[in-house]
Every structure is written in structure tokens, then in C-alpha cells.
């Protein structure tokens, strides 16, 4: 058991060392010893394992007295999986059906085939995942260029600055972007990248489906030490970048929607309060005002917004515009 724990610690340590060395970064031996609470010999063995098992180009720079990757684009491949992990991943293969026509499908199928070949003969798979008795209904998804898809993931991993052309949802014109890719987000099969836009001098979120002509620059970016994805998006609700403090949401659903609302976890910090008339009050905090607006509108008159005031006002204006639009169509008819 102790040996097993040591293997896990070593694996975690190697992953973290790799993260520290990516993108042309330099690290001191003493810093690694202090960070992991181990001796010099242990770190040297980790370096040796990185070289032998993963062909990591670790080199020692005598002038700086520091270690680095001679190839700044290198990163450890994600193959640090146990036999149990492989079994778990193999059962997910049929779920890729919902990602047809996206680069993810081919990438994962290729990976899954390799992983399946590595499984021992004695491993059994639940056949309910392999037959035709289950169907997956997917959302209509935009196509993503395979070069863009793979390039963004490479940029996140290597911390290399990229240049691409981007078209916003409301425009037909593509604009030039230089971008530091921090984090990839997937929402219901739609893929986005969050990072630093050089021209805007701010953090932005861009849809991979609206990126084209991605190219890698010769320079690398330094990943912000204080970066936390939770300070930009609410992972329970959506991908809109909003560094503002979260608002308190209070939504009252009619009795007919009570079971539907009550049986789901809409947010990790939610409160569900059943009212005397059978209606149900949902309370939570979030900074995802754009996503929540669209989500609330989807319930129509089955929900009443009690808070925040700005959402109430926005819905009031939206309903007025819709009413005027359909009154106009009725008059023309």
C-alpha cells in the first residue's frame, strides 16, 4: 500500500514538474525540492523518468543554474492512466455518438482504440453501453476546423502565443487576433477558449467554431499565477466571461414545474424552497447574467423573477419588443 501511494505521489509530481517547465520556463532544483518536500535525489529520479519514459528534453543551463525544456513546445503526453482508469474510459466510447461531425469524435475514437488495445483480456464491459438499445439526442452543433481544435489545445498546453482570425456571432467580418490561451471550456458540445486578447488587453472568451487560420507565434506567454477560472465563469451555468461579483437570483416556478425544478441540481449552491401553494423558489448566486437571461426566457410564464432587479427589467423590455414584433406581423397579415 505504501508503495502504491509513492507511485501516485511520483506521478502527480511529474505532472506538476512538466507544468512548471512548459512554454520555455526555467526552474531551480532548490525550488522543486522545497515545493515537493523531497530531497535532490528524488527530483533527479523524476527527471530521469521524464527523459526515459516520456522523451522529455530536460536540459541543465549552467549559466542560469536552472533546468528547462530544450524544446519549449514539449509537454508530457496524457498517458498516466491506471488499468482501472482505462476500463472507465473505455465505457465512455459509445457516448461519443453525441459528438458526431466534430473533431472531438475522431480524436477520442483514435485514443479509445489505443486504450482498449491496452486493456487485459479479463476485463469485461457492460454490454448495455455497446448495444443499439440506447440513443443519444444531441444539440445541433457548429463544425469546428480540426486544425483550430487541435491548435487551441496545443496552445493551452505549450503556452505559445497564437494568431487567428475571429468572427463574432453578430458579424460577417473576420478580425485579426493575437491570443494567450488559458483554458478550454465545453458547454453542451460547444467549445470555447478563454484567454488574454492582446488587442483588447483583457480576458475574452472565443468560440472555436468561429476561429480560422490559426498560426503559432514564436513567443510564449507567462501563465498568470493568480488565474482561477472560477473568477471569470460560473461553471454551473455557462461560459460568459464576467469578472463582476455574482448576483443573487430568486426564481419562483409555478406548481406544475415544481417536480421538474426540484429533481435537478441547477447550481452547486442552490436553495430550493417549496411554497404553500405548491410553487417552488430557486435561489442561487451567479455571475452568468447572459446565460441565465436566455435560460429564464426559455421557461416562459412558468417562472417569475423576483431578483435581481436588472434581470426583471431586461425581461420586461424583451417581452415588450416581442409583443410589438408580433402585433406588427398580425397587422400586416
C-alpha atoms as a PDB file:
ATOM      1  CA  UNK A   1       0.000   0.000   0.000  1.00  0.00           C
ATOM      2  CA  UNK A   2       2.840   2.409   0.867  1.00  0.00           C
ATOM      3  CA  UNK A   3       4.492   1.619  -2.463  1.00  0.00           C
ATOM      4  CA  UNK A   4       1.223   2.349  -4.259  1.00  0.00           C
ATOM      5  CA  UNK A   5       0.963   5.753  -2.524  1.00  0.00           C
ATOM      6  CA  UNK A   6       4.566   6.547  -3.516  1.00  0.00           C
ATOM      7  CA  UNK A   7       3.728   5.783  -7.162  1.00  0.00           C
ATOM      8  CA  UNK A   8       0.750   8.128  -7.036  1.00  0.00           C
ATOM      9  CA  UNK A   9       2.842  10.896  -5.464  1.00  0.00           C
ATOM     10  CA  UNK A  10       5.552  10.407  -8.084  1.00  0.00           C
ATOM     11  CA  UNK A  11       3.009  10.593 -10.904  1.00  0.00           C
ATOM     12  CA  UNK A  12       1.481  13.796  -9.517  1.00  0.00           C
ATOM     13  CA  UNK A  13       4.957  15.263  -9.010  1.00  0.00           C
ATOM     14  CA  UNK A  14       5.969  14.514 -12.608  1.00  0.00           C
ATOM     15  CA  UNK A  15       2.809  16.141 -13.960  1.00  0.00           C
ATOM     16  CA  UNK A  16       3.460  19.253 -11.867  1.00  0.00           C
ATOM     17  CA  UNK A  17       7.130  19.435 -12.882  1.00  0.00           C
ATOM     18  CA  UNK A  18       6.051  19.224 -16.521  1.00  0.00           C
ATOM     19  CA  UNK A  19       3.570  22.082 -15.987  1.00  0.00           C
ATOM     20  CA  UNK A  20       6.327  24.214 -14.449  1.00  0.00           C
ATOM     21  CA  UNK A  21       8.670  23.607 -17.411  1.00  0.00           C
ATOM     22  CA  UNK A  22       6.204  24.227 -20.251  1.00  0.00           C
ATOM     23  CA  UNK A  23       6.471  27.163 -22.607  1.00  0.00           C
ATOM     24  CA  UNK A  24      10.206  27.708 -22.226  1.00  0.00           C
ATOM     25  CA  UNK A  25      10.130  28.230 -18.454  1.00  0.00           C
ATOM     26  CA  UNK A  26      13.174  27.652 -16.240  1.00  0.00           C
ATOM     27  CA  UNK A  27      13.121  26.147 -12.739  1.00  0.00           C
ATOM     28  CA  UNK A  28      15.697  25.734  -9.988  1.00  0.00           C
ATOM     29  CA  UNK A  29      16.413  22.420  -8.328  1.00  0.00           C
ATOM     30  CA  UNK A  30      16.117  24.039  -4.873  1.00  0.00           C
ATOM     31  CA  UNK A  31      12.646  25.358  -5.751  1.00  0.00           C
ATOM     32  CA  UNK A  32      11.480  21.861  -6.697  1.00  0.00           C
ATOM     33  CA  UNK A  33      12.940  20.372  -3.500  1.00  0.00           C
ATOM     34  CA  UNK A  34      11.157  22.990  -1.408  1.00  0.00           C
ATOM     35  CA  UNK A  35       7.846  22.744  -3.311  1.00  0.00           C
ATOM     36  CA  UNK A  36       7.543  18.953  -3.048  1.00  0.00           C
ATOM     37  CA  UNK A  37       9.303  18.425   0.278  1.00  0.00           C
ATOM     38  CA  UNK A  38      11.700  15.792  -1.116  1.00  0.00           C
ATOM     39  CA  UNK A  39      15.471  15.501  -1.483  1.00  0.00           C
ATOM     40  CA  UNK A  40      17.629  16.216  -4.513  1.00  0.00           C
ATOM     41  CA  UNK A  41      17.974  12.546  -5.401  1.00  0.00           C
ATOM     42  CA  UNK A  42      14.185  12.175  -5.674  1.00  0.00           C
ATOM     43  CA  UNK A  43      13.908  15.087  -8.124  1.00  0.00           C
ATOM     44  CA  UNK A  44      16.798  13.670 -10.162  1.00  0.00           C
ATOM     45  CA  UNK A  45      14.936  10.341 -10.399  1.00  0.00           C
ATOM     46  CA  UNK A  46      11.839  12.243 -11.550  1.00  0.00           C
ATOM     47  CA  UNK A  47      13.918  13.938 -14.249  1.00  0.00           C
ATOM     48  CA  UNK A  48      15.290  10.565 -15.316  1.00  0.00           C
ATOM     49  CA  UNK A  49      11.783   9.106 -15.556  1.00  0.00           C
ATOM     50  CA  UNK A  50      10.657  12.062 -17.644  1.00  0.00           C
ATOM     51  CA  UNK A  51      13.603  11.507 -20.015  1.00  0.00           C
ATOM     52  CA  UNK A  52      13.334   7.718 -20.236  1.00  0.00           C
ATOM     53  CA  UNK A  53       9.578   7.173 -20.328  1.00  0.00           C
ATOM     54  CA  UNK A  54       8.367  10.368 -21.995  1.00  0.00           C
ATOM     55  CA  UNK A  55      11.401  11.530 -24.024  1.00  0.00           C
ATOM     56  CA  UNK A  56      11.272  14.854 -22.202  1.00  0.00           C
ATOM     57  CA  UNK A  57      14.041  17.201 -23.466  1.00  0.00           C
ATOM     58  CA  UNK A  58      15.137  18.336 -19.992  1.00  0.00           C
ATOM     59  CA  UNK A  59      18.425  20.214 -20.023  1.00  0.00           C
ATOM     60  CA  UNK A  60      20.520  21.990 -17.407  1.00  0.00           C
ATOM     61  CA  UNK A  61      21.551  25.575 -18.132  1.00  0.00           C
ATOM     62  CA  UNK A  62      24.874  26.197 -16.368  1.00  0.00           C
ATOM     63  CA  UNK A  63      24.750  29.971 -16.802  1.00  0.00           C
ATOM     64  CA  UNK A  64      21.364  30.204 -15.072  1.00  0.00           C
ATOM     65  CA  UNK A  65      21.823  27.216 -12.775  1.00  0.00           C
ATOM     66  CA  UNK A  66      18.336  26.128 -13.803  1.00  0.00           C
ATOM     67  CA  UNK A  67      16.556  23.345 -15.712  1.00  0.00           C
ATOM     68  CA  UNK A  68      14.353  23.773 -18.797  1.00  0.00           C
ATOM     69  CA  UNK A  69      12.932  22.006 -21.866  1.00  0.00           C
ATOM     70  CA  UNK A  70      15.202  22.469 -24.888  1.00  0.00           C
ATOM     71  CA  UNK A  71      12.005  22.239 -26.961  1.00  0.00           C
ATOM     72  CA  UNK A  72       9.601  24.816 -25.454  1.00  0.00           C
ATOM     73  CA  UNK A  73       6.624  23.211 -27.253  1.00  0.00           C
ATOM     74  CA  UNK A  74       7.089  19.891 -25.444  1.00  0.00           C
ATOM     75  CA  UNK A  75       4.658  18.622 -22.817  1.00  0.00           C
ATOM     76  CA  UNK A  76       4.133  15.208 -21.254  1.00  0.00           C
ATOM     77  CA  UNK A  77       1.525  13.207 -23.174  1.00  0.00           C
ATOM     78  CA  UNK A  78      -1.570  12.370 -21.143  1.00  0.00           C
ATOM     79  CA  UNK A  79      -0.948   8.641 -20.769  1.00  0.00           C
ATOM     80  CA  UNK A  80      -0.562   8.411 -16.995  1.00  0.00           C
ATOM     81  CA  UNK A  81      -3.559   6.098 -16.553  1.00  0.00           C
ATOM     82  CA  UNK A  82      -4.036   3.042 -14.401  1.00  0.00           C
ATOM     83  CA  UNK A  83      -5.700  -0.135 -15.635  1.00  0.00           C
ATOM     84  CA  UNK A  84      -8.847   0.877 -13.792  1.00  0.00           C
ATOM     85  CA  UNK A  85      -8.779   4.287 -15.464  1.00  0.00           C
ATOM     86  CA  UNK A  86      -8.548   2.614 -18.866  1.00  0.00           C
ATOM     87  CA  UNK A  87     -11.600   0.499 -18.126  1.00  0.00           C
ATOM     88  CA  UNK A  88     -13.570   3.557 -17.022  1.00  0.00           C
ATOM     89  CA  UNK A  89     -12.604   5.498 -20.134  1.00  0.00           C
ATOM     90  CA  UNK A  90     -13.405   2.577 -22.459  1.00  0.00           C
ATOM     91  CA  UNK A  91     -17.024   2.505 -21.290  1.00  0.00           C
ATOM     92  CA  UNK A  92     -17.425   6.114 -22.438  1.00  0.00           C
ATOM     93  CA  UNK A  93     -16.603   5.306 -26.076  1.00  0.00           C
ATOM     94  CA  UNK A  94     -20.244   4.885 -27.236  1.00  0.00           C
ATOM     95  CA  UNK A  95     -21.117   8.271 -25.740  1.00  0.00           C
ATOM     96  CA  UNK A  96     -19.012   9.833 -28.499  1.00  0.00           C
ATOM     97  CA  UNK A  97     -22.065   9.378 -30.716  1.00  0.00           C
ATOM     98  CA  UNK A  98     -23.299  12.739 -29.463  1.00  0.00           C
ATOM     99  CA  UNK A  99     -20.154  14.403 -30.833  1.00  0.00           C
ATOM    100  CA  UNK A 100     -20.509  13.300 -34.452  1.00  0.00           C
ATOM    101  CA  UNK A 101     -19.134  15.699 -37.064  1.00  0.00           C
ATOM    102  CA  UNK A 102     -16.791  17.394 -34.598  1.00  0.00           C
ATOM    103  CA  UNK A 103     -13.001  16.940 -34.381  1.00  0.00           C
ATOM    104  CA  UNK A 104     -13.517  15.531 -30.901  1.00  0.00           C
ATOM    105  CA  UNK A 105     -15.178  12.395 -32.247  1.00  0.00           C
ATOM    106  CA  UNK A 106     -12.232  11.266 -34.373  1.00  0.00           C
ATOM    107  CA  UNK A 107      -9.670  12.288 -31.756  1.00  0.00           C
ATOM    108  CA  UNK A 108     -11.373  10.361 -28.970  1.00  0.00           C
ATOM    109  CA  UNK A 109     -12.157   7.324 -31.086  1.00  0.00           C
ATOM    110  CA  UNK A 110      -8.486   7.058 -32.025  1.00  0.00           C
ATOM    111  CA  UNK A 111      -7.460   7.407 -28.370  1.00  0.00           C
ATOM    112  CA  UNK A 112     -10.091   4.923 -27.210  1.00  0.00           C
ATOM    113  CA  UNK A 113      -8.966   2.327 -29.726  1.00  0.00           C
ATOM    114  CA  UNK A 114      -5.411   2.582 -28.412  1.00  0.00           C
ATOM    115  CA  UNK A 115      -6.545   2.396 -24.802  1.00  0.00           C
ATOM    116  CA  UNK A 116      -8.833  -0.560 -25.486  1.00  0.00           C
ATOM    117  CA  UNK A 117      -5.906  -2.479 -27.005  1.00  0.00           C
ATOM    118  CA  UNK A 118      -4.028  -1.951 -23.729  1.00  0.00           C
ATOM    119  CA  UNK A 119      -6.746  -3.465 -21.550  1.00  0.00           C
ATOM    120  CA  UNK A 120      -6.183  -7.011 -20.228  1.00  0.00           C
ATOM    121  CA  UNK A 121      -8.267  -9.820 -21.726  1.00  0.00           C
ATOM    122  CA  UNK A 122     -10.048 -10.474 -18.425  1.00  0.00           C
ATOM    123  CA  UNK A 123     -11.702  -7.043 -18.285  1.00  0.00           C
ATOM    124  CA  UNK A 124     -15.421  -7.149 -19.059  1.00  0.00           C
ATOM    125  CA  UNK A 125     -17.541  -4.241 -20.320  1.00  0.00           C
ATOM    126  CA  UNK A 126     -21.206  -3.662 -19.526  1.00  0.00           C
ATOM    127  CA  UNK A 127     -22.944  -4.612 -22.780  1.00  0.00           C
ATOM    128  CA  UNK A 128     -25.708  -2.077 -22.175  1.00  0.00           C
ATOM    129  CA  UNK A 129     -23.226   0.534 -23.381  1.00  0.00           C
ATOM    130  CA  UNK A 130     -22.476  -1.408 -26.559  1.00  0.00           C
ATOM    131  CA  UNK A 131     -25.868  -2.337 -28.000  1.00  0.00           C
ATOM    132  CA  UNK A 132     -28.469  -0.408 -30.010  1.00  0.00           C
ATOM    133  CA  UNK A 133     -30.973  -0.046 -27.151  1.00  0.00           C
ATOM    134  CA  UNK A 134     -29.681   3.399 -26.176  1.00  0.00           C
ATOM    135  CA  UNK A 135     -29.910   6.538 -28.321  1.00  0.00           C
ATOM    136  CA  UNK A 136     -28.386   9.950 -27.668  1.00  0.00           C
ATOM    137  CA  UNK A 137     -30.160  13.114 -28.804  1.00  0.00           C
ATOM    138  CA  UNK A 138     -27.575  15.794 -29.423  1.00  0.00           C
ATOM    139  CA  UNK A 139     -27.860  19.537 -29.761  1.00  0.00           C
ATOM    140  CA  UNK A 140     -27.240  20.990 -33.243  1.00  0.00           C
ATOM    141  CA  UNK A 141     -23.541  21.812 -33.108  1.00  0.00           C
ATOM    142  CA  UNK A 142     -21.440  24.060 -35.350  1.00  0.00           C
ATOM    143  CA  UNK A 143     -18.494  22.492 -37.153  1.00  0.00           C
ATOM    144  CA  UNK A 144     -15.006  23.171 -35.796  1.00  0.00           C
ATOM    145  CA  UNK A 145     -11.966  23.109 -38.046  1.00  0.00           C
ATOM    146  CA  UNK A 146      -9.738  20.259 -36.930  1.00  0.00           C
ATOM    147  CA  UNK A 147      -6.610  22.400 -37.179  1.00  0.00           C
ATOM    148  CA  UNK A 148      -8.189  25.038 -34.947  1.00  0.00           C
ATOM    149  CA  UNK A 149      -9.428  22.455 -32.452  1.00  0.00           C
ATOM    150  CA  UNK A 150      -6.053  20.730 -32.115  1.00  0.00           C
ATOM    151  CA  UNK A 151      -4.165  24.035 -32.275  1.00  0.00           C
ATOM    152  CA  UNK A 152      -6.025  25.589 -29.333  1.00  0.00           C
ATOM    153  CA  UNK A 153      -5.384  22.550 -27.153  1.00  0.00           C
ATOM    154  CA  UNK A 154      -1.711  22.649 -28.133  1.00  0.00           C
ATOM    155  CA  UNK A 155      -1.562  26.375 -27.318  1.00  0.00           C
ATOM    156  CA  UNK A 156      -3.084  25.821 -23.870  1.00  0.00           C
ATOM    157  CA  UNK A 157      -0.570  23.109 -23.145  1.00  0.00           C
ATOM    158  CA  UNK A 158       2.562  24.703 -24.631  1.00  0.00           C
ATOM    159  CA  UNK A 159       1.668  28.291 -23.594  1.00  0.00           C
ATOM    160  CA  UNK A 160       2.579  29.522 -27.042  1.00  0.00           C
ATOM    161  CA  UNK A 161       1.001  32.733 -28.360  1.00  0.00           C
ATOM    162  CA  UNK A 162      -1.311  32.154 -31.327  1.00  0.00           C
ATOM    163  CA  UNK A 163      -2.614  34.338 -34.130  1.00  0.00           C
ATOM    164  CA  UNK A 164      -6.004  33.671 -35.694  1.00  0.00           C
ATOM    165  CA  UNK A 165      -8.954  35.271 -37.436  1.00  0.00           C
ATOM    166  CA  UNK A 166     -12.216  35.525 -35.499  1.00  0.00           C
ATOM    167  CA  UNK A 167     -15.787  36.377 -36.438  1.00  0.00           C
ATOM    168  CA  UNK A 168     -18.206  37.359 -33.679  1.00  0.00           C
ATOM    169  CA  UNK A 169     -21.721  35.929 -33.600  1.00  0.00           C
ATOM    170  CA  UNK A 170     -23.245  39.140 -34.961  1.00  0.00           C
ATOM    171  CA  UNK A 171     -20.725  39.906 -37.705  1.00  0.00           C
ATOM    172  CA  UNK A 172     -19.697  38.588 -41.122  1.00  0.00           C
ATOM    173  CA  UNK A 173     -16.256  40.174 -40.851  1.00  0.00           C
ATOM    174  CA  UNK A 174     -13.218  38.328 -39.510  1.00  0.00           C
ATOM    175  CA  UNK A 175     -10.808  40.258 -37.284  1.00  0.00           C
ATOM    176  CA  UNK A 176      -7.149  39.523 -36.557  1.00  0.00           C
ATOM    177  CA  UNK A 177      -6.367  38.282 -33.048  1.00  0.00           C
ATOM    178  CA  UNK A 178      -3.240  37.583 -31.032  1.00  0.00           C
ATOM    179  CA  UNK A 179      -4.175  35.435 -28.094  1.00  0.00           C
ATOM    180  CA  UNK A 180      -2.831  33.677 -24.991  1.00  0.00           C
ATOM    181  CA  UNK A 181      -4.918  30.522 -24.491  1.00  0.00           C
ATOM    182  CA  UNK A 182      -5.533  29.870 -20.772  1.00  0.00           C
ATOM    183  CA  UNK A 183      -8.427  27.451 -20.533  1.00  0.00           C
ATOM    184  CA  UNK A 184     -10.751  25.403 -22.781  1.00  0.00           C
ATOM    185  CA  UNK A 185     -14.459  25.221 -21.955  1.00  0.00           C
ATOM    186  CA  UNK A 186     -17.134  22.915 -23.345  1.00  0.00           C
ATOM    187  CA  UNK A 187     -20.811  23.711 -22.863  1.00  0.00           C
ATOM    188  CA  UNK A 188     -23.290  21.170 -24.239  1.00  0.00           C
ATOM    189  CA  UNK A 189     -20.911  20.204 -27.025  1.00  0.00           C
ATOM    190  CA  UNK A 190     -19.969  23.793 -27.917  1.00  0.00           C
ATOM    191  CA  UNK A 191     -16.264  24.518 -27.434  1.00  0.00           C
ATOM    192  CA  UNK A 192     -14.713  27.796 -26.292  1.00  0.00           C
ATOM    193  CA  UNK A 193     -11.299  29.090 -25.278  1.00  0.00           C
ATOM    194  CA  UNK A 194     -10.743  31.664 -22.537  1.00  0.00           C
ATOM    195  CA  UNK A 195      -7.578  33.706 -22.530  1.00  0.00           C
ATOM    196  CA  UNK A 196      -5.873  37.064 -22.977  1.00  0.00           C
ATOM    197  CA  UNK A 197      -6.625  39.114 -26.091  1.00  0.00           C
ATOM    198  CA  UNK A 198      -3.579  41.276 -26.868  1.00  0.00           C
ATOM    199  CA  UNK A 199      -5.528  43.981 -28.736  1.00  0.00           C
ATOM    200  CA  UNK A 200      -8.306  44.245 -26.133  1.00  0.00           C
ATOM    201  CA  UNK A 201      -5.736  43.990 -23.327  1.00  0.00           C
ATOM    202  CA  UNK A 202      -8.258  41.905 -21.437  1.00  0.00           C
ATOM    203  CA  UNK A 203      -9.506  38.355 -20.951  1.00  0.00           C
ATOM    204  CA  UNK A 204     -12.013  37.181 -23.552  1.00  0.00           C
ATOM    205  CA  UNK A 205     -13.916  34.002 -24.449  1.00  0.00           C
ATOM    206  CA  UNK A 206     -13.983  32.900 -28.098  1.00  0.00           C
ATOM    207  CA  UNK A 207     -15.927  30.096 -29.780  1.00  0.00           C
ATOM    208  CA  UNK A 208     -13.682  27.585 -31.553  1.00  0.00           C
ATOM    209  CA  UNK A 209     -16.260  27.240 -34.344  1.00  0.00           C
ATOM    210  CA  UNK A 210     -15.740  30.916 -35.308  1.00  0.00           C
ATOM    211  CA  UNK A 211     -11.924  30.771 -35.371  1.00  0.00           C
ATOM    212  CA  UNK A 212     -10.000  30.211 -38.592  1.00  0.00           C
ATOM    213  CA  UNK A 213      -6.403  30.290 -39.863  1.00  0.00           C
ATOM    214  CA  UNK A 214      -4.707  29.637 -36.541  1.00  0.00           C
ATOM    215  CA  UNK A 215      -0.928  30.107 -36.506  1.00  0.00           C
ATOM    216  CA  UNK A 216       1.661  29.816 -33.742  1.00  0.00           C
ATOM    217  CA  UNK A 217       3.850  32.798 -32.917  1.00  0.00           C
ATOM    218  CA  UNK A 218       7.499  32.396 -31.924  1.00  0.00           C
ATOM    219  CA  UNK A 219       6.919  33.828 -28.443  1.00  0.00           C
ATOM    220  CA  UNK A 220       5.456  32.205 -25.330  1.00  0.00           C
ATOM    221  CA  UNK A 221       3.239  33.713 -22.649  1.00  0.00           C
ATOM    222  CA  UNK A 222       3.597  33.512 -18.892  1.00  0.00           C
ATOM    223  CA  UNK A 223       0.563  31.936 -17.284  1.00  0.00           C
ATOM    224  CA  UNK A 224      -0.842  34.303 -14.593  1.00  0.00           C
ATOM    225  CA  UNK A 225      -0.017  32.972 -11.130  1.00  0.00           C
ATOM    226  CA  UNK A 226      -3.310  34.168  -9.667  1.00  0.00           C
ATOM    227  CA  UNK A 227      -5.514  32.883 -12.504  1.00  0.00           C
ATOM    228  CA  UNK A 228      -8.615  30.988 -11.370  1.00  0.00           C
ATOM    229  CA  UNK A 229     -11.243  30.020 -13.921  1.00  0.00           C
ATOM    230  CA  UNK A 230     -13.948  30.440 -11.269  1.00  0.00           C
ATOM    231  CA  UNK A 231     -13.214  34.176 -11.133  1.00  0.00           C
ATOM    232  CA  UNK A 232     -14.318  34.507 -14.765  1.00  0.00           C
ATOM    233  CA  UNK A 233     -17.083  31.990 -15.374  1.00  0.00           C
ATOM    234  CA  UNK A 234     -19.632  30.146 -13.267  1.00  0.00           C
ATOM    235  CA  UNK A 235     -19.022  26.532 -14.290  1.00  0.00           C
ATOM    236  CA  UNK A 236     -22.518  25.573 -13.147  1.00  0.00           C
ATOM    237  CA  UNK A 237     -24.216  27.891 -15.628  1.00  0.00           C
ATOM    238  CA  UNK A 238     -22.099  28.986 -18.523  1.00  0.00           C
ATOM    239  CA  UNK A 239     -19.035  30.266 -20.292  1.00  0.00           C
ATOM    240  CA  UNK A 240     -19.563  34.028 -20.452  1.00  0.00           C
ATOM    241  CA  UNK A 241     -16.501  35.833 -19.115  1.00  0.00           C
ATOM    242  CA  UNK A 242     -17.682  38.179 -16.363  1.00  0.00           C
ATOM    243  CA  UNK A 243     -15.271  39.188 -13.580  1.00  0.00           C
ATOM    244  CA  UNK A 244     -18.043  41.105 -11.757  1.00  0.00           C
ATOM    245  CA  UNK A 245     -19.246  39.832  -8.352  1.00  0.00           C
ATOM    246  CA  UNK A 246     -22.110  37.301  -8.566  1.00  0.00           C
ATOM    247  CA  UNK A 247     -25.721  38.428  -8.175  1.00  0.00           C
ATOM    248  CA  UNK A 248     -28.383  36.840  -6.004  1.00  0.00           C
ATOM    249  CA  UNK A 249     -31.037  35.114  -8.140  1.00  0.00           C
ATOM    250  CA  UNK A 250     -34.526  34.270  -6.867  1.00  0.00           C
ATOM    251  CA  UNK A 251     -36.835  32.486  -9.309  1.00  0.00           C
ATOM    252  CA  UNK A 252     -40.365  31.347  -8.461  1.00  0.00           C
ATOM    253  CA  UNK A 253     -41.643  28.415 -10.553  1.00  0.00           C
ATOM    254  CA  UNK A 254     -45.338  27.513 -10.874  1.00  0.00           C
ATOM    255  CA  UNK A 255     -46.625  24.326  -9.118  1.00  0.00           C
ATOM    256  CA  UNK A 256     -46.707  22.443 -12.415  1.00  0.00           C
ATOM    257  CA  UNK A 257     -42.927  22.861 -12.746  1.00  0.00           C
ATOM    258  CA  UNK A 258     -42.120  22.034  -9.110  1.00  0.00           C
ATOM    259  CA  UNK A 259     -41.069  18.402  -9.651  1.00  0.00           C
ATOM    260  CA  UNK A 260     -39.030  19.262 -12.745  1.00  0.00           C
ATOM    261  CA  UNK A 261     -37.140  22.002 -10.905  1.00  0.00           C
ATOM    262  CA  UNK A 262     -36.806  20.124  -7.616  1.00  0.00           C
ATOM    263  CA  UNK A 263     -35.275  16.973  -9.111  1.00  0.00           C
ATOM    264  CA  UNK A 264     -32.359  18.810 -10.717  1.00  0.00           C
ATOM    265  CA  UNK A 265     -29.255  20.496  -9.408  1.00  0.00           C
ATOM    266  CA  UNK A 266     -29.112  23.776 -11.270  1.00  0.00           C
ATOM    267  CA  UNK A 267     -26.267  25.172  -9.202  1.00  0.00           C
ATOM    268  CA  UNK A 268     -23.951  23.717  -6.566  1.00  0.00           C
ATOM    269  CA  UNK A 269     -25.002  26.413  -4.059  1.00  0.00           C
ATOM    270  CA  UNK A 270     -28.718  26.389  -4.841  1.00  0.00           C
ATOM    271  CA  UNK A 271     -31.582  26.554  -2.342  1.00  0.00           C
ATOM    272  CA  UNK A 272     -34.949  25.022  -3.233  1.00  0.00           C
ATOM    273  CA  UNK A 273     -37.888  26.192  -1.079  1.00  0.00           C
ATOM    274  CA  UNK A 274     -41.347  24.728  -1.652  1.00  0.00           C
ATOM    275  CA  UNK A 275     -44.171  27.251  -1.116  1.00  0.00           C
ATOM    276  CA  UNK A 276     -47.584  26.583   0.436  1.00  0.00           C
ATOM    277  CA  UNK A 277     -49.337  26.804  -2.942  1.00  0.00           C
ATOM    278  CA  UNK A 278     -47.030  24.121  -4.425  1.00  0.00           C
ATOM    279  CA  UNK A 279     -44.773  26.506  -6.297  1.00  0.00           C
ATOM    280  CA  UNK A 280     -41.035  26.310  -5.717  1.00  0.00           C
ATOM    281  CA  UNK A 281     -38.474  29.048  -5.127  1.00  0.00           C
ATOM    282  CA  UNK A 282     -34.975  28.553  -6.554  1.00  0.00           C
ATOM    283  CA  UNK A 283     -32.184  30.698  -5.099  1.00  0.00           C
ATOM    284  CA  UNK A 284     -28.501  30.817  -6.066  1.00  0.00           C
ATOM    285  CA  UNK A 285     -25.663  33.247  -6.810  1.00  0.00           C
ATOM    286  CA  UNK A 286     -24.006  33.553 -10.203  1.00  0.00           C
ATOM    287  CA  UNK A 287     -22.199  35.995 -12.492  1.00  0.00           C
ATOM    288  CA  UNK A 288     -23.604  34.402 -15.654  1.00  0.00           C
ATOM    289  CA  UNK A 289     -26.221  37.052 -16.408  1.00  0.00           C
ATOM    290  CA  UNK A 290     -26.252  36.414 -20.175  1.00  0.00           C
ATOM    291  CA  UNK A 291     -26.749  32.662 -19.878  1.00  0.00           C
ATOM    292  CA  UNK A 292     -29.304  32.989 -17.088  1.00  0.00           C
ATOM    293  CA  UNK A 293     -31.334  35.511 -19.097  1.00  0.00           C
ATOM    294  CA  UNK A 294     -31.651  33.062 -22.017  1.00  0.00           C
ATOM    295  CA  UNK A 295     -32.325  30.160 -19.652  1.00  0.00           C
ATOM    296  CA  UNK A 296     -35.088  32.006 -17.762  1.00  0.00           C
ATOM    297  CA  UNK A 297     -36.721  33.176 -21.006  1.00  0.00           C
ATOM    298  CA  UNK A 298     -36.951  29.523 -22.065  1.00  0.00           C
ATOM    299  CA  UNK A 299     -39.404  28.833 -19.224  1.00  0.00           C
ATOM    300  CA  UNK A 300     -41.845  31.476 -20.457  1.00  0.00           C
ATOM    301  CA  UNK A 301     -44.592  32.307 -17.954  1.00  0.00           C
ATOM    302  CA  UNK A 302     -43.769  29.209 -15.860  1.00  0.00           C
ATOM    303  CA  UNK A 303     -41.296  31.288 -13.869  1.00  0.00           C
ATOM    304  CA  UNK A 304     -41.381  34.692 -12.179  1.00  0.00           C
ATOM    305  CA  UNK A 305     -38.105  36.517 -11.484  1.00  0.00           C
ATOM    306  CA  UNK A 306     -38.077  38.042  -8.003  1.00  0.00           C
ATOM    307  CA  UNK A 307     -34.420  39.083  -8.006  1.00  0.00           C
ATOM    308  CA  UNK A 308     -32.155  40.668  -9.248  1.00  0.00           C
ATOM    309  CA  UNK A 309     -33.887  43.867 -10.413  1.00  0.00           C
ATOM    310  CA  UNK A 310     -31.736  44.191 -13.553  1.00  0.00           C
ATOM    311  CA  UNK A 311     -32.927  40.804 -14.830  1.00  0.00           C
ATOM    312  CA  UNK A 312     -36.562  41.775 -14.185  1.00  0.00           C
ATOM    313  CA  UNK A 313     -36.076  44.972 -16.176  1.00  0.00           C
ATOM    314  CA  UNK A 314     -34.318  43.209 -19.037  1.00  0.00           C
ATOM    315  CA  UNK A 315     -37.100  40.622 -19.344  1.00  0.00           C
ATOM    316  CA  UNK A 316     -39.726  43.386 -19.257  1.00  0.00           C
ATOM    317  CA  UNK A 317     -38.004  45.145 -22.175  1.00  0.00           C
ATOM    318  CA  UNK A 318     -37.574  41.901 -24.120  1.00  0.00           C
ATOM    319  CA  UNK A 319     -41.246  40.968 -23.713  1.00  0.00           C
ATOM    320  CA  UNK A 320     -42.277  44.444 -24.897  1.00  0.00           C
ATOM    321  CA  UNK A 321     -40.130  44.128 -28.041  1.00  0.00           C
ATOM    322  CA  UNK A 322     -41.558  40.666 -28.754  1.00  0.00           C
ATOM    323  CA  UNK A 323     -45.132  41.848 -28.263  1.00  0.00           C
ATOM    324  CA  UNK A 324     -44.582  44.771 -30.634  1.00  0.00           C
ATOM    325  CA  UNK A 325     -42.993  42.491 -33.222  1.00  0.00           C
ATOM    326  CA  UNK A 326     -45.895  40.024 -33.289  1.00  0.00           C
ATOM    327  CA  UNK A 327     -48.533  42.756 -33.104  1.00  0.00           C
ATOM    328  CA  UNK A 328     -46.916  44.276 -36.201  1.00  0.00           C
ATOM    329  CA  UNK A 329     -46.960  40.916 -38.019  1.00  0.00           C
ATOM    330  CA  UNK A 330     -50.616  40.436 -37.074  1.00  0.00           C
ATOM    331  CA  UNK A 331     -51.494  43.852 -38.503  1.00  0.00           C
ATOM    332  CA  UNK A 332     -49.647  43.115 -41.747  1.00  0.00           C
ATOM    333  CA  UNK A 333     -51.441  39.773 -42.044  1.00  0.00           C
END
